Amino acid sequence: MPSPAYPFLRLALVCLLALSLGACATDRQRTRAEGTAAGAAAGAALGRAITGDDRGTAIGAVLGGIVGAVVGNRVANKKAAYAKREEELRLSAQRASALAQTTRDQNQQIEQQIAELNQAVTTLQSVKRSAESKRIAQAENRQKLSALVESVERQLQQMNEEMARQNQLIAAVKAQDAKDKREAAPEPSEGLQLVAASVRDLEQQTRWLELARVQLQQIDERRMF
């Protein structure tokens, strides 16, 4: 006559086999396997407790395995959705950071061009020139000023649009987290933190562009052309 412990030993071996196979599979498959194994173990224990025989244990294991598989599948789907969202957040943060770096490089060039234009305007006022030479210099300065203003305005528009997209993404993710958990969202995920950091970088470069716009307006208001 088989030992009463035999069915449980056999079940334990089956569960261990499922888990070992899951270790070689994808995370989704492993999560499903773990859910199935846990459900089967719990169902077998409950079936044994209710019926006291191997048949009840087997039925409990099957039913528990089915329930465990359903739960494991839900958990796997949530984990997959979370991983996908994190990847999308990382890609979004990378795009914003790349724009911030490009703008930072352009801002350095604009800063130098503003300094050169300011010096040119000052020189035009202080140095005596012929009327024709002064007219040519004035035209060149106006052209440089217009080009700089256009460049700054174009970059400001691009930065503001990107910040709006990133902030909308942050708001949407936080709202979804709160809705899913029906409570305040926990600490921001790594992807969300990366997006927030990229937005701060964009804001810093935007503030510099706004300052550059003021400097150009001041040059224009001096009317030294």
C-alpha atoms as a PDB file:
ATOM      1  CA  MET A   1       0.000   0.000   0.000  1.00  0.00           C
ATOM      2  CA  PRO A   2       1.492   3.372  -0.969  1.00  0.00           C
ATOM      3  CA  SER A   3       2.573   5.663   1.813  1.00  0.00           C
ATOM      4  CA  PRO A   4       0.144   8.540   2.550  1.00  0.00           C
ATOM      5  CA  ALA A   5       3.021  10.900   1.857  1.00  0.00           C
ATOM      6  CA  TYR A   6       3.518   9.470  -1.640  1.00  0.00           C
ATOM      7  CA  PRO A   7       0.933  11.647  -3.444  1.00  0.00           C
ATOM      8  CA  PHE A   8       2.418  14.776  -1.907  1.00  0.00           C
ATOM      9  CA  LEU A   9       5.917  13.699  -2.877  1.00  0.00           C
ATOM     10  CA  ARG A  10       4.768  13.082  -6.434  1.00  0.00           C
ATOM     11  CA  LEU A  11       3.041  16.465  -6.519  1.00  0.00           C
ATOM     12  CA  ALA A  12       6.134  18.190  -5.166  1.00  0.00           C
ATOM     13  CA  LEU A  13       8.226  16.640  -7.933  1.00  0.00           C
ATOM     14  CA  VAL A  14       5.745  17.846 -10.545  1.00  0.00           C
ATOM     15  CA  CYS A  15       5.823  21.366  -9.112  1.00  0.00           C
ATOM     16  CA  LEU A  16       9.606  21.425  -9.045  1.00  0.00           C
ATOM     17  CA  LEU A  17       9.685  20.226 -12.648  1.00  0.00           C
ATOM     18  CA  ALA A  18       7.325  23.020 -13.695  1.00  0.00           C
ATOM     19  CA  LEU A  19       9.454  25.617 -11.950  1.00  0.00           C
ATOM     20  CA  SER A  20      12.685  24.282 -13.427  1.00  0.00           C
ATOM     21  CA  LEU A  21      11.197  24.383 -16.913  1.00  0.00           C
ATOM     22  CA  GLY A  22      10.036  27.926 -16.231  1.00  0.00           C
ATOM     23  CA  ALA A  23      13.601  28.974 -15.425  1.00  0.00           C
ATOM     24  CA  CYS A  24      14.557  28.264 -19.039  1.00  0.00           C
ATOM     25  CA  ALA A  25      11.522  30.060 -20.448  1.00  0.00           C
ATOM     26  CA  THR A  26      10.563  33.687 -20.794  1.00  0.00           C
ATOM     27  CA  ASP A  27       9.525  35.708 -17.775  1.00  0.00           C
ATOM     28  CA  ARG A  28       5.889  35.526 -18.921  1.00  0.00           C
ATOM     29  CA  GLN A  29       6.006  31.718 -19.209  1.00  0.00           C
ATOM     30  CA  ARG A  30       7.843  31.399 -15.910  1.00  0.00           C
ATOM     31  CA  THR A  31       5.224  33.501 -14.116  1.00  0.00           C
ATOM     32  CA  ARG A  32       2.429  31.365 -15.551  1.00  0.00           C
ATOM     33  CA  ALA A  33       4.256  28.172 -14.543  1.00  0.00           C
ATOM     34  CA  GLU A  34       4.770  29.464 -11.017  1.00  0.00           C
ATOM     35  CA  GLY A  35       1.082  30.355 -10.740  1.00  0.00           C
ATOM     36  CA  THR A  36       0.054  26.937 -12.000  1.00  0.00           C
ATOM     37  CA  ALA A  37       2.417  25.137  -9.630  1.00  0.00           C
ATOM     38  CA  ALA A  38       1.359  27.202  -6.622  1.00  0.00           C
ATOM     39  CA  GLY A  39      -2.316  26.703  -7.433  1.00  0.00           C
ATOM     40  CA  ALA A  40      -1.850  22.968  -7.891  1.00  0.00           C
ATOM     41  CA  ALA A  41      -0.040  22.647  -4.572  1.00  0.00           C
ATOM     42  CA  ALA A  42      -2.692  24.639  -2.715  1.00  0.00           C
ATOM     43  CA  GLY A  43      -5.512  22.760  -4.443  1.00  0.00           C
ATOM     44  CA  ALA A  44      -3.962  19.392  -3.653  1.00  0.00           C
ATOM     45  CA  ALA A  45      -3.580  20.287   0.004  1.00  0.00           C
ATOM     46  CA  LEU A  46      -7.186  21.496   0.169  1.00  0.00           C
ATOM     47  CA  GLY A  47      -8.456  18.412  -1.662  1.00  0.00           C
ATOM     48  CA  ARG A  48      -6.562  16.123   0.707  1.00  0.00           C
ATOM     49  CA  ALA A  49      -7.921  18.002   3.712  1.00  0.00           C
ATOM     50  CA  ILE A  50     -11.516  17.727   2.475  1.00  0.00           C
ATOM     51  CA  THR A  51     -11.612  14.157   1.137  1.00  0.00           C
ATOM     52  CA  GLY A  52      -8.673  12.503   2.833  1.00  0.00           C
ATOM     53  CA  ASP A  53      -7.889  10.379  -0.242  1.00  0.00           C
ATOM     54  CA  ASP A  54      -5.743  10.466  -3.381  1.00  0.00           C
ATOM     55  CA  ARG A  55      -8.692  11.144  -5.681  1.00  0.00           C
ATOM     56  CA  GLY A  56      -9.604  14.321  -3.823  1.00  0.00           C
ATOM     57  CA  THR A  57      -5.969  15.341  -3.819  1.00  0.00           C
ATOM     58  CA  ALA A  58      -5.729  14.871  -7.590  1.00  0.00           C
ATOM     59  CA  ILE A  59      -8.954  16.770  -8.266  1.00  0.00           C
ATOM     60  CA  GLY A  60      -7.838  19.582  -5.978  1.00  0.00           C
ATOM     61  CA  ALA A  61      -4.481  19.747  -7.741  1.00  0.00           C
ATOM     62  CA  VAL A  62      -6.125  20.006 -11.175  1.00  0.00           C
ATOM     63  CA  LEU A  63      -8.624  22.662 -10.120  1.00  0.00           C
ATOM     64  CA  GLY A  64      -5.993  24.563  -8.171  1.00  0.00           C
ATOM     65  CA  GLY A  65      -3.645  24.407 -11.141  1.00  0.00           C
ATOM     66  CA  ILE A  66      -6.317  25.889 -13.410  1.00  0.00           C
ATOM     67  CA  VAL A  67      -6.996  28.736 -10.999  1.00  0.00           C
ATOM     68  CA  GLY A  68      -3.271  29.265 -10.506  1.00  0.00           C
ATOM     69  CA  ALA A  69      -2.737  29.378 -14.269  1.00  0.00           C
ATOM     70  CA  VAL A  70      -5.423  32.062 -14.650  1.00  0.00           C
ATOM     71  CA  VAL A  71      -3.937  34.140 -11.849  1.00  0.00           C
ATOM     72  CA  GLY A  72      -0.417  33.592 -13.161  1.00  0.00           C
ATOM     73  CA  ASN A  73      -1.507  34.685 -16.631  1.00  0.00           C
ATOM     74  CA  ARG A  74      -2.966  37.907 -15.238  1.00  0.00           C
ATOM     75  CA  VAL A  75       0.208  38.622 -13.312  1.00  0.00           C
ATOM     76  CA  ALA A  76       2.301  37.854 -16.404  1.00  0.00           C
ATOM     77  CA  ASN A  77       0.211  40.230 -18.515  1.00  0.00           C
ATOM     78  CA  LYS A  78       0.589  42.999 -15.942  1.00  0.00           C
ATOM     79  CA  LYS A  79       4.344  42.478 -15.778  1.00  0.00           C
ATOM     80  CA  ALA A  80       4.602  42.515 -19.577  1.00  0.00           C
ATOM     81  CA  ALA A  81       2.529  45.698 -19.804  1.00  0.00           C
ATOM     82  CA  TYR A  82       4.675  47.341 -17.130  1.00  0.00           C
ATOM     83  CA  ALA A  83       7.898  46.365 -18.921  1.00  0.00           C
ATOM     84  CA  LYS A  84       6.535  47.732 -22.201  1.00  0.00           C
ATOM     85  CA  ARG A  85       5.534  50.990 -20.545  1.00  0.00           C
ATOM     86  CA  GLU A  86       8.949  51.365 -18.925  1.00  0.00           C
ATOM     87  CA  GLU A  87      10.639  50.864 -22.285  1.00  0.00           C
ATOM     88  CA  GLU A  88       8.402  53.508 -23.864  1.00  0.00           C
ATOM     89  CA  LEU A  89       9.225  55.903 -21.027  1.00  0.00           C
ATOM     90  CA  ARG A  90      12.948  55.301 -21.443  1.00  0.00           C
ATOM     91  CA  LEU A  91      12.743  55.939 -25.186  1.00  0.00           C
ATOM     92  CA  SER A  92      10.749  59.112 -24.577  1.00  0.00           C
ATOM     93  CA  ALA A  93      13.307  60.309 -22.035  1.00  0.00           C
ATOM     94  CA  GLN A  94      16.142  59.576 -24.466  1.00  0.00           C
ATOM     95  CA  ARG A  95      14.437  61.628 -27.176  1.00  0.00           C
ATOM     96  CA  ALA A  96      13.933  64.567 -24.820  1.00  0.00           C
ATOM     97  CA  SER A  97      17.505  64.351 -23.515  1.00  0.00           C
ATOM     98  CA  ALA A  98      18.868  64.297 -27.064  1.00  0.00           C
ATOM     99  CA  LEU A  99      16.870  67.430 -27.890  1.00  0.00           C
ATOM    100  CA  ALA A 100      18.111  69.127 -24.722  1.00  0.00           C
ATOM    101  CA  GLN A 101      21.726  68.314 -25.611  1.00  0.00           C
ATOM    102  CA  THR A 102      21.311  69.574 -29.176  1.00  0.00           C
ATOM    103  CA  THR A 103      19.724  72.765 -27.866  1.00  0.00           C
ATOM    104  CA  ARG A 104      22.518  73.184 -25.326  1.00  0.00           C
ATOM    105  CA  ASP A 105      25.101  73.044 -28.109  1.00  0.00           C
ATOM    106  CA  GLN A 106      23.103  75.500 -30.224  1.00  0.00           C
ATOM    107  CA  ASN A 107      22.673  77.818 -27.254  1.00  0.00           C
ATOM    108  CA  GLN A 108      26.426  78.042 -26.861  1.00  0.00           C
ATOM    109  CA  GLN A 109      26.702  79.151 -30.477  1.00  0.00           C
ATOM    110  CA  ILE A 110      23.865  81.649 -30.043  1.00  0.00           C
ATOM    111  CA  GLU A 111      25.538  83.051 -26.937  1.00  0.00           C
ATOM    112  CA  GLN A 112      28.697  83.714 -28.917  1.00  0.00           C
ATOM    113  CA  GLN A 113      26.749  85.240 -31.810  1.00  0.00           C
ATOM    114  CA  ILE A 114      24.849  87.552 -29.456  1.00  0.00           C
ATOM    115  CA  ALA A 115      28.124  88.723 -27.921  1.00  0.00           C
ATOM    116  CA  GLU A 116      29.562  89.385 -31.386  1.00  0.00           C
ATOM    117  CA  LEU A 117      26.440  91.245 -32.488  1.00  0.00           C
ATOM    118  CA  ASN A 118      26.416  93.326 -29.335  1.00  0.00           C
ATOM    119  CA  GLN A 119      30.047  94.230 -29.910  1.00  0.00           C
ATOM    120  CA  ALA A 120      29.347  95.091 -33.548  1.00  0.00           C
ATOM    121  CA  VAL A 121      26.503  97.412 -32.565  1.00  0.00           C
ATOM    122  CA  THR A 122      28.651  99.118 -29.937  1.00  0.00           C
ATOM    123  CA  THR A 123      31.503  99.543 -32.411  1.00  0.00           C
ATOM    124  CA  LEU A 124      29.166 100.998 -35.012  1.00  0.00           C
ATOM    125  CA  GLN A 125      28.141 103.698 -32.566  1.00  0.00           C
ATOM    126  CA  SER A 126      31.606 104.570 -31.308  1.00  0.00           C
ATOM    127  CA  VAL A 127      33.728 104.390 -34.462  1.00  0.00           C
ATOM    128  CA  LYS A 128      33.464 107.038 -37.163  1.00  0.00           C
ATOM    129  CA  ARG A 129      32.623 105.661 -40.587  1.00  0.00           C
ATOM    130  CA  SER A 130      31.473 106.933 -43.914  1.00  0.00           C
ATOM    131  CA  ALA A 131      27.739 107.015 -44.491  1.00  0.00           C
ATOM    132  CA  GLU A 132      27.959 104.157 -46.992  1.00  0.00           C
ATOM    133  CA  SER A 133      30.096 102.008 -44.694  1.00  0.00           C
ATOM    134  CA  LYS A 134      27.728 102.642 -41.817  1.00  0.00           C
ATOM    135  CA  ARG A 135      24.713 101.783 -43.954  1.00  0.00           C
ATOM    136  CA  ILE A 136      26.273  98.465 -44.974  1.00  0.00           C
ATOM    137  CA  ALA A 137      27.181  97.641 -41.359  1.00  0.00           C
ATOM    138  CA  GLN A 138      23.664  98.506 -40.201  1.00  0.00           C
ATOM    139  CA  ALA A 139      22.151  96.204 -42.814  1.00  0.00           C
ATOM    140  CA  GLU A 140      24.465  93.362 -41.798  1.00  0.00           C
ATOM    141  CA  ASN A 141      23.606  93.822 -38.123  1.00  0.00           C
ATOM    142  CA  ARG A 142      19.878  93.845 -38.840  1.00  0.00           C
ATOM    143  CA  GLN A 143      20.233  90.659 -40.856  1.00  0.00           C
ATOM    144  CA  LYS A 144      22.193  88.936 -38.073  1.00  0.00           C
ATOM    145  CA  LEU A 145      19.676  90.068 -35.477  1.00  0.00           C
ATOM    146  CA  SER A 146      16.728  88.792 -37.511  1.00  0.00           C
ATOM    147  CA  ALA A 147      18.423  85.427 -38.038  1.00  0.00           C
ATOM    148  CA  LEU A 148      19.177  85.070 -34.327  1.00  0.00           C
ATOM    149  CA  VAL A 149      15.650  86.032 -33.293  1.00  0.00           C
ATOM    150  CA  GLU A 150      14.198  83.531 -35.753  1.00  0.00           C
ATOM    151  CA  SER A 151      16.526  80.788 -34.489  1.00  0.00           C
ATOM    152  CA  VAL A 152      15.672  81.446 -30.844  1.00  0.00           C
ATOM    153  CA  GLU A 153      11.921  81.543 -31.504  1.00  0.00           C
ATOM    154  CA  ARG A 154      12.074  78.329 -33.512  1.00  0.00           C
ATOM    155  CA  GLN A 155      13.973  76.530 -30.761  1.00  0.00           C
ATOM    156  CA  LEU A 156      11.633  77.853 -28.083  1.00  0.00           C
ATOM    157  CA  GLN A 157       8.642  76.506 -29.966  1.00  0.00           C
ATOM    158  CA  GLN A 158      10.313  73.121 -30.381  1.00  0.00           C
ATOM    159  CA  MET A 159      11.263  72.959 -26.709  1.00  0.00           C
ATOM    160  CA  ASN A 160       7.805  73.982 -25.496  1.00  0.00           C
ATOM    161  CA  GLU A 161       6.148  71.379 -27.712  1.00  0.00           C
ATOM    162  CA  GLU A 162       8.473  68.647 -26.462  1.00  0.00           C
ATOM    163  CA  MET A 163       7.966  69.639 -22.820  1.00  0.00           C
ATOM    164  CA  ALA A 164       4.208  69.555 -23.348  1.00  0.00           C
ATOM    165  CA  ARG A 165       4.444  66.030 -24.787  1.00  0.00           C
ATOM    166  CA  GLN A 166       6.628  64.809 -21.936  1.00  0.00           C
ATOM    167  CA  ASN A 167       4.430  66.382 -19.256  1.00  0.00           C
ATOM    168  CA  GLN A 168       1.328  64.864 -20.842  1.00  0.00           C
ATOM    169  CA  LEU A 169       3.040  61.481 -20.767  1.00  0.00           C
ATOM    170  CA  ILE A 170       3.922  61.875 -17.088  1.00  0.00           C
ATOM    171  CA  ALA A 171       0.361  62.916 -16.235  1.00  0.00           C
ATOM    172  CA  ALA A 172      -1.128  60.002 -18.198  1.00  0.00           C
ATOM    173  CA  VAL A 173       1.131  57.438 -16.508  1.00  0.00           C
ATOM    174  CA  LYS A 174       0.420  58.793 -13.028  1.00  0.00           C
ATOM    175  CA  ALA A 175      -3.318  58.855 -13.707  1.00  0.00           C
ATOM    176  CA  GLN A 176      -3.249  55.262 -14.950  1.00  0.00           C
ATOM    177  CA  ASP A 177      -1.253  54.134 -11.912  1.00  0.00           C
ATOM    178  CA  ALA A 178      -3.720  55.792  -9.570  1.00  0.00           C
ATOM    179  CA  LYS A 179      -6.648  54.261 -11.451  1.00  0.00           C
ATOM    180  CA  ASP A 180      -5.188  50.750 -11.442  1.00  0.00           C
ATOM    181  CA  LYS A 181      -4.355  50.833  -7.743  1.00  0.00           C
ATOM    182  CA  ARG A 182      -7.383  52.932  -6.761  1.00  0.00           C
ATOM    183  CA  GLU A 183      -5.084  54.893  -4.495  1.00  0.00           C
ATOM    184  CA  ALA A 184      -2.173  57.292  -4.659  1.00  0.00           C
ATOM    185  CA  ALA A 185       0.575  55.989  -6.919  1.00  0.00           C
ATOM    186  CA  PRO A 186       3.762  54.752  -5.201  1.00  0.00           C
ATOM    187  CA  GLU A 187       7.249  56.064  -5.845  1.00  0.00           C
ATOM    188  CA  PRO A 188       7.741  56.923  -9.539  1.00  0.00           C
ATOM    189  CA  SER A 189       9.200  54.120 -11.618  1.00  0.00           C
ATOM    190  CA  GLU A 190      12.672  54.350 -13.109  1.00  0.00           C
ATOM    191  CA  GLY A 191      11.243  55.229 -16.515  1.00  0.00           C
ATOM    192  CA  LEU A 192       9.074  57.961 -15.042  1.00  0.00           C
ATOM    193  CA  GLN A 193      12.041  59.404 -13.164  1.00  0.00           C
ATOM    194  CA  LEU A 194      14.065  59.481 -16.390  1.00  0.00           C
ATOM    195  CA  VAL A 195      11.302  61.384 -18.176  1.00  0.00           C
ATOM    196  CA  ALA A 196      11.006  63.851 -15.287  1.00  0.00           C
ATOM    197  CA  ALA A 197      14.780  64.422 -15.355  1.00  0.00           C
ATOM    198  CA  SER A 198      14.710  65.048 -19.112  1.00  0.00           C
ATOM    199  CA  VAL A 199      11.905  67.585 -18.631  1.00  0.00           C
ATOM    200  CA  ARG A 200      14.007  69.458 -16.072  1.00  0.00           C
ATOM    201  CA  ASP A 201      16.850  69.541 -18.591  1.00  0.00           C
ATOM    202  CA  LEU A 202      14.501  70.895 -21.255  1.00  0.00           C
ATOM    203  CA  GLU A 203      13.234  73.539 -18.846  1.00  0.00           C
ATOM    204  CA  GLN A 204      16.781  74.678 -18.124  1.00  0.00           C
ATOM    205  CA  GLN A 205      17.590  75.124 -21.803  1.00  0.00           C
ATOM    206  CA  THR A 206      14.246  76.848 -22.370  1.00  0.00           C
ATOM    207  CA  ARG A 207      15.018  79.386 -19.650  1.00  0.00           C
ATOM    208  CA  TRP A 208      18.318  80.127 -21.364  1.00  0.00           C
ATOM    209  CA  LEU A 209      16.550  80.664 -24.689  1.00  0.00           C
ATOM    210  CA  GLU A 210      14.095  83.034 -23.039  1.00  0.00           C
ATOM    211  CA  LEU A 211      17.028  84.991 -21.629  1.00  0.00           C
ATOM    212  CA  ALA A 212      18.636  85.096 -25.076  1.00  0.00           C
ATOM    213  CA  ARG A 213      15.390  86.460 -26.507  1.00  0.00           C
ATOM    214  CA  VAL A 214      15.421  89.260 -23.929  1.00  0.00           C
ATOM    215  CA  GLN A 215      19.036  90.091 -24.800  1.00  0.00           C
ATOM    216  CA  LEU A 216      18.165  90.303 -28.483  1.00  0.00           C
ATOM    217  CA  GLN A 217      15.216  92.545 -27.719  1.00  0.00           C
ATOM    218  CA  GLN A 218      17.501  94.830 -25.745  1.00  0.00           C
ATOM    219  CA  ILE A 219      19.904  95.047 -28.670  1.00  0.00           C
ATOM    220  CA  ASP A 220      17.010  95.892 -30.969  1.00  0.00           C
ATOM    221  CA  GLU A 221      15.678  98.543 -28.585  1.00  0.00           C
ATOM    222  CA  ARG A 222      19.018 100.322 -28.532  1.00  0.00           C
ATOM    223  CA  ARG A 223      18.341 101.220 -32.178  1.00  0.00           C
ATOM    224  CA  MET A 224      21.994 101.577 -33.033  1.00  0.00           C
ATOM    225  CA  PHE A 225      21.459 100.406 -36.553  1.00  0.00           C
END
